[in-house]
């Protein structure tokens, strides 16, 4: 029979975003579940609760500056007139750039690519497509 793992948790809130930090004491792991309102948008991990809190506050700053966080990714330039920007993972790693063309289609180019990696008819759908691309392990 497996032993129950003892965890401690606390929640940080900034506007509509929250991060529930959980410390798994038996494995010395710290993770944070980031939510927009009640919807989980991704997780972050680090060595300490302070590291998780710092990552979460960085995400909050990006969202305040017009970025969109969903599906474990952040698209900068989403809620402003730039119509393009970087695409980051929640830990801050930049995986590529996105832009909108003159016809309103949105395109993502991974940093490992020289041509468009994927496209969609809106930023919202592009973020879904990028999530699928990342889930398929196509980041190389």
C-alpha atoms as a PDB file:
ATOM      1  CA  UNK A   1       0.000   0.000   0.000  1.00  0.00           C
ATOM      2  CA  UNK A   2       1.383   3.398  -0.990  1.00  0.00           C
ATOM      3  CA  UNK A   3       1.905   6.030   1.660  1.00  0.00           C
ATOM      4  CA  UNK A   4      -0.086   9.192   1.296  1.00  0.00           C
ATOM      5  CA  UNK A   5       2.095  12.102   0.279  1.00  0.00           C
ATOM      6  CA  UNK A   6       1.919  15.045   2.601  1.00  0.00           C
ATOM      7  CA  UNK A   7       1.444  18.319   0.782  1.00  0.00           C
ATOM      8  CA  UNK A   8       1.026  21.894   1.902  1.00  0.00           C
ATOM      9  CA  UNK A   9      -0.572  24.516  -0.283  1.00  0.00           C
ATOM     10  CA  UNK A  10      -1.344  28.209  -0.384  1.00  0.00           C
ATOM     11  CA  UNK A  11      -2.808  30.487  -3.026  1.00  0.00           C
ATOM     12  CA  UNK A  12      -1.606  33.817  -4.400  1.00  0.00           C
ATOM     13  CA  UNK A  13      -4.135  36.020  -6.224  1.00  0.00           C
ATOM     14  CA  UNK A  14      -3.678  38.970  -8.580  1.00  0.00           C
ATOM     15  CA  UNK A  15      -6.890  40.130 -10.234  1.00  0.00           C
ATOM     16  CA  UNK A  16      -8.418  37.252 -12.193  1.00  0.00           C
ATOM     17  CA  UNK A  17      -5.235  35.177 -11.944  1.00  0.00           C
ATOM     18  CA  UNK A  18      -4.338  32.872  -9.085  1.00  0.00           C
ATOM     19  CA  UNK A  19      -1.587  30.377  -8.361  1.00  0.00           C
ATOM     20  CA  UNK A  20      -2.089  27.532  -5.944  1.00  0.00           C
ATOM     21  CA  UNK A  21       1.349  26.581  -4.685  1.00  0.00           C
ATOM     22  CA  UNK A  22       1.743  23.026  -3.465  1.00  0.00           C
ATOM     23  CA  UNK A  23       4.759  21.655  -1.623  1.00  0.00           C
ATOM     24  CA  UNK A  24       5.186  17.907  -1.745  1.00  0.00           C
ATOM     25  CA  UNK A  25       7.301  17.382   1.354  1.00  0.00           C
ATOM     26  CA  UNK A  26       8.050  13.703   0.751  1.00  0.00           C
ATOM     27  CA  UNK A  27       9.566  14.454  -2.678  1.00  0.00           C
ATOM     28  CA  UNK A  28      10.750  18.026  -1.992  1.00  0.00           C
ATOM     29  CA  UNK A  29       8.804  19.330  -5.008  1.00  0.00           C
ATOM     30  CA  UNK A  30       7.189  22.739  -5.335  1.00  0.00           C
ATOM     31  CA  UNK A  31       4.647  23.399  -8.048  1.00  0.00           C
ATOM     32  CA  UNK A  32       2.050  26.004  -8.820  1.00  0.00           C
ATOM     33  CA  UNK A  33      -1.238  25.628 -10.658  1.00  0.00           C
ATOM     34  CA  UNK A  34      -2.021  28.867 -12.474  1.00  0.00           C
ATOM     35  CA  UNK A  35      -5.679  29.697 -13.056  1.00  0.00           C
ATOM     36  CA  UNK A  36      -7.573  32.437 -14.832  1.00  0.00           C
ATOM     37  CA  UNK A  37     -10.736  32.745 -12.776  1.00  0.00           C
ATOM     38  CA  UNK A  38     -11.654  29.071 -12.277  1.00  0.00           C
ATOM     39  CA  UNK A  39      -9.900  27.752 -15.398  1.00  0.00           C
ATOM     40  CA  UNK A  40      -6.515  26.094 -15.127  1.00  0.00           C
ATOM     41  CA  UNK A  41      -4.140  27.645 -17.675  1.00  0.00           C
ATOM     42  CA  UNK A  42      -0.935  25.812 -16.776  1.00  0.00           C
ATOM     43  CA  UNK A  43       1.573  24.868 -14.133  1.00  0.00           C
ATOM     44  CA  UNK A  44       4.940  26.146 -12.995  1.00  0.00           C
ATOM     45  CA  UNK A  45       7.584  24.432 -10.900  1.00  0.00           C
ATOM     46  CA  UNK A  46      10.644  25.472  -8.984  1.00  0.00           C
ATOM     47  CA  UNK A  47      12.896  24.803  -6.064  1.00  0.00           C
ATOM     48  CA  UNK A  48      11.086  27.077  -3.577  1.00  0.00           C
ATOM     49  CA  UNK A  49       7.745  28.713  -2.968  1.00  0.00           C
ATOM     50  CA  UNK A  50       9.474  32.050  -3.561  1.00  0.00           C
ATOM     51  CA  UNK A  51      10.569  30.890  -7.032  1.00  0.00           C
ATOM     52  CA  UNK A  52       6.998  29.855  -7.868  1.00  0.00           C
ATOM     53  CA  UNK A  53       5.641  33.154  -6.564  1.00  0.00           C
ATOM     54  CA  UNK A  54       8.195  35.026  -8.679  1.00  0.00           C
ATOM     55  CA  UNK A  55       7.206  33.112 -11.817  1.00  0.00           C
ATOM     56  CA  UNK A  56       3.542  33.779 -11.110  1.00  0.00           C
ATOM     57  CA  UNK A  57       4.103  37.512 -10.600  1.00  0.00           C
ATOM     58  CA  UNK A  58       6.029  37.648 -13.903  1.00  0.00           C
ATOM     59  CA  UNK A  59       3.060  36.001 -15.635  1.00  0.00           C
ATOM     60  CA  UNK A  60       0.730  38.567 -14.033  1.00  0.00           C
ATOM     61  CA  UNK A  61       2.893  41.435 -15.330  1.00  0.00           C
ATOM     62  CA  UNK A  62       2.802  40.014 -18.851  1.00  0.00           C
ATOM     63  CA  UNK A  63      -0.992  39.670 -18.713  1.00  0.00           C
ATOM     64  CA  UNK A  64      -1.288  43.252 -17.431  1.00  0.00           C
ATOM     65  CA  UNK A  65       0.802  44.359 -20.433  1.00  0.00           C
ATOM     66  CA  UNK A  66      -1.578  42.748 -22.967  1.00  0.00           C
ATOM     67  CA  UNK A  67      -0.465  39.124 -23.080  1.00  0.00           C
ATOM     68  CA  UNK A  68      -2.794  36.124 -23.074  1.00  0.00           C
ATOM     69  CA  UNK A  69      -2.120  33.064 -20.923  1.00  0.00           C
ATOM     70  CA  UNK A  70      -3.792  29.785 -21.898  1.00  0.00           C
ATOM     71  CA  UNK A  71      -2.852  26.154 -22.350  1.00  0.00           C
ATOM     72  CA  UNK A  72       0.549  26.545 -20.687  1.00  0.00           C
ATOM     73  CA  UNK A  73       1.620  29.309 -23.084  1.00  0.00           C
ATOM     74  CA  UNK A  74       1.774  33.074 -23.050  1.00  0.00           C
ATOM     75  CA  UNK A  75       1.283  35.091 -26.231  1.00  0.00           C
ATOM     76  CA  UNK A  76       2.632  38.638 -25.882  1.00  0.00           C
ATOM     77  CA  UNK A  77       0.992  41.427 -27.889  1.00  0.00           C
ATOM     78  CA  UNK A  78      -2.390  39.661 -27.735  1.00  0.00           C
ATOM     79  CA  UNK A  79      -4.587  42.367 -26.194  1.00  0.00           C
ATOM     80  CA  UNK A  80      -3.106  45.407 -27.858  1.00  0.00           C
ATOM     81  CA  UNK A  81      -2.657  46.725 -31.369  1.00  0.00           C
ATOM     82  CA  UNK A  82       0.681  45.010 -31.983  1.00  0.00           C
ATOM     83  CA  UNK A  83      -0.953  41.836 -33.449  1.00  0.00           C
ATOM     84  CA  UNK A  84       2.142  39.785 -32.781  1.00  0.00           C
ATOM     85  CA  UNK A  85       4.882  39.028 -30.327  1.00  0.00           C
ATOM     86  CA  UNK A  86       6.713  36.259 -28.524  1.00  0.00           C
ATOM     87  CA  UNK A  87       5.248  32.933 -27.470  1.00  0.00           C
ATOM     88  CA  UNK A  88       6.536  31.753 -24.099  1.00  0.00           C
ATOM     89  CA  UNK A  89       6.035  28.793 -21.844  1.00  0.00           C
ATOM     90  CA  UNK A  90       4.925  29.624 -18.315  1.00  0.00           C
ATOM     91  CA  UNK A  91       8.489  29.207 -17.069  1.00  0.00           C
ATOM     92  CA  UNK A  92       9.569  32.081 -19.341  1.00  0.00           C
ATOM     93  CA  UNK A  93      11.197  30.031 -22.111  1.00  0.00           C
ATOM     94  CA  UNK A  94      10.541  31.689 -25.469  1.00  0.00           C
ATOM     95  CA  UNK A  95       9.511  29.048 -28.024  1.00  0.00           C
ATOM     96  CA  UNK A  96       8.806  31.308 -31.002  1.00  0.00           C
ATOM     97  CA  UNK A  97       6.985  34.332 -32.345  1.00  0.00           C
ATOM     98  CA  UNK A  98       3.516  34.958 -33.694  1.00  0.00           C
ATOM     99  CA  UNK A  99       2.065  37.620 -35.950  1.00  0.00           C
ATOM    100  CA  UNK A 100      -1.158  38.480 -37.706  1.00  0.00           C
ATOM    101  CA  UNK A 101      -1.131  39.091 -41.452  1.00  0.00           C
ATOM    102  CA  UNK A 102      -3.088  41.684 -43.452  1.00  0.00           C
ATOM    103  CA  UNK A 103      -5.966  39.211 -43.932  1.00  0.00           C
ATOM    104  CA  UNK A 104      -6.291  38.548 -40.187  1.00  0.00           C
ATOM    105  CA  UNK A 105      -4.704  35.083 -40.170  1.00  0.00           C
ATOM    106  CA  UNK A 106      -2.242  34.432 -37.388  1.00  0.00           C
ATOM    107  CA  UNK A 107       1.031  32.580 -37.867  1.00  0.00           C
ATOM    108  CA  UNK A 108       3.523  31.043 -35.453  1.00  0.00           C
ATOM    109  CA  UNK A 109       7.193  30.488 -36.235  1.00  0.00           C
ATOM    110  CA  UNK A 110       9.085  28.327 -33.753  1.00  0.00           C
ATOM    111  CA  UNK A 111      12.622  29.440 -32.943  1.00  0.00           C
ATOM    112  CA  UNK A 112      13.825  26.132 -34.333  1.00  0.00           C
ATOM    113  CA  UNK A 113      12.172  26.875 -37.707  1.00  0.00           C
ATOM    114  CA  UNK A 114      12.791  29.211 -40.630  1.00  0.00           C
ATOM    115  CA  UNK A 115       9.249  29.009 -42.025  1.00  0.00           C
ATOM    116  CA  UNK A 116       5.755  29.210 -40.509  1.00  0.00           C
ATOM    117  CA  UNK A 117       5.232  26.346 -38.073  1.00  0.00           C
ATOM    118  CA  UNK A 118       1.437  26.652 -37.813  1.00  0.00           C
ATOM    119  CA  UNK A 119      -1.389  29.069 -38.626  1.00  0.00           C
ATOM    120  CA  UNK A 120      -4.973  29.761 -37.547  1.00  0.00           C
ATOM    121  CA  UNK A 121      -7.709  32.282 -38.363  1.00  0.00           C
ATOM    122  CA  UNK A 122      -7.457  34.060 -34.974  1.00  0.00           C
ATOM    123  CA  UNK A 123      -5.019  34.513 -32.072  1.00  0.00           C
ATOM    124  CA  UNK A 124      -7.278  32.384 -29.842  1.00  0.00           C
ATOM    125  CA  UNK A 125      -7.237  29.458 -32.279  1.00  0.00           C
ATOM    126  CA  UNK A 126      -3.517  29.938 -32.919  1.00  0.00           C
ATOM    127  CA  UNK A 127      -2.848  29.510 -29.213  1.00  0.00           C
ATOM    128  CA  UNK A 128      -4.789  26.230 -29.332  1.00  0.00           C
ATOM    129  CA  UNK A 129      -2.744  25.143 -32.364  1.00  0.00           C
ATOM    130  CA  UNK A 130       0.541  26.032 -30.645  1.00  0.00           C
ATOM    131  CA  UNK A 131      -0.555  24.005 -27.610  1.00  0.00           C
ATOM    132  CA  UNK A 132      -1.243  20.994 -29.866  1.00  0.00           C
ATOM    133  CA  UNK A 133       2.161  21.447 -31.543  1.00  0.00           C
ATOM    134  CA  UNK A 134       3.881  21.556 -28.143  1.00  0.00           C
ATOM    135  CA  UNK A 135       1.898  18.532 -26.917  1.00  0.00           C
ATOM    136  CA  UNK A 136       3.061  16.551 -29.942  1.00  0.00           C
ATOM    137  CA  UNK A 137       6.651  17.232 -28.898  1.00  0.00           C
ATOM    138  CA  UNK A 138       7.528  19.119 -32.067  1.00  0.00           C
ATOM    139  CA  UNK A 139       9.702  21.706 -30.332  1.00  0.00           C
ATOM    140  CA  UNK A 140      12.940  20.374 -31.858  1.00  0.00           C
END
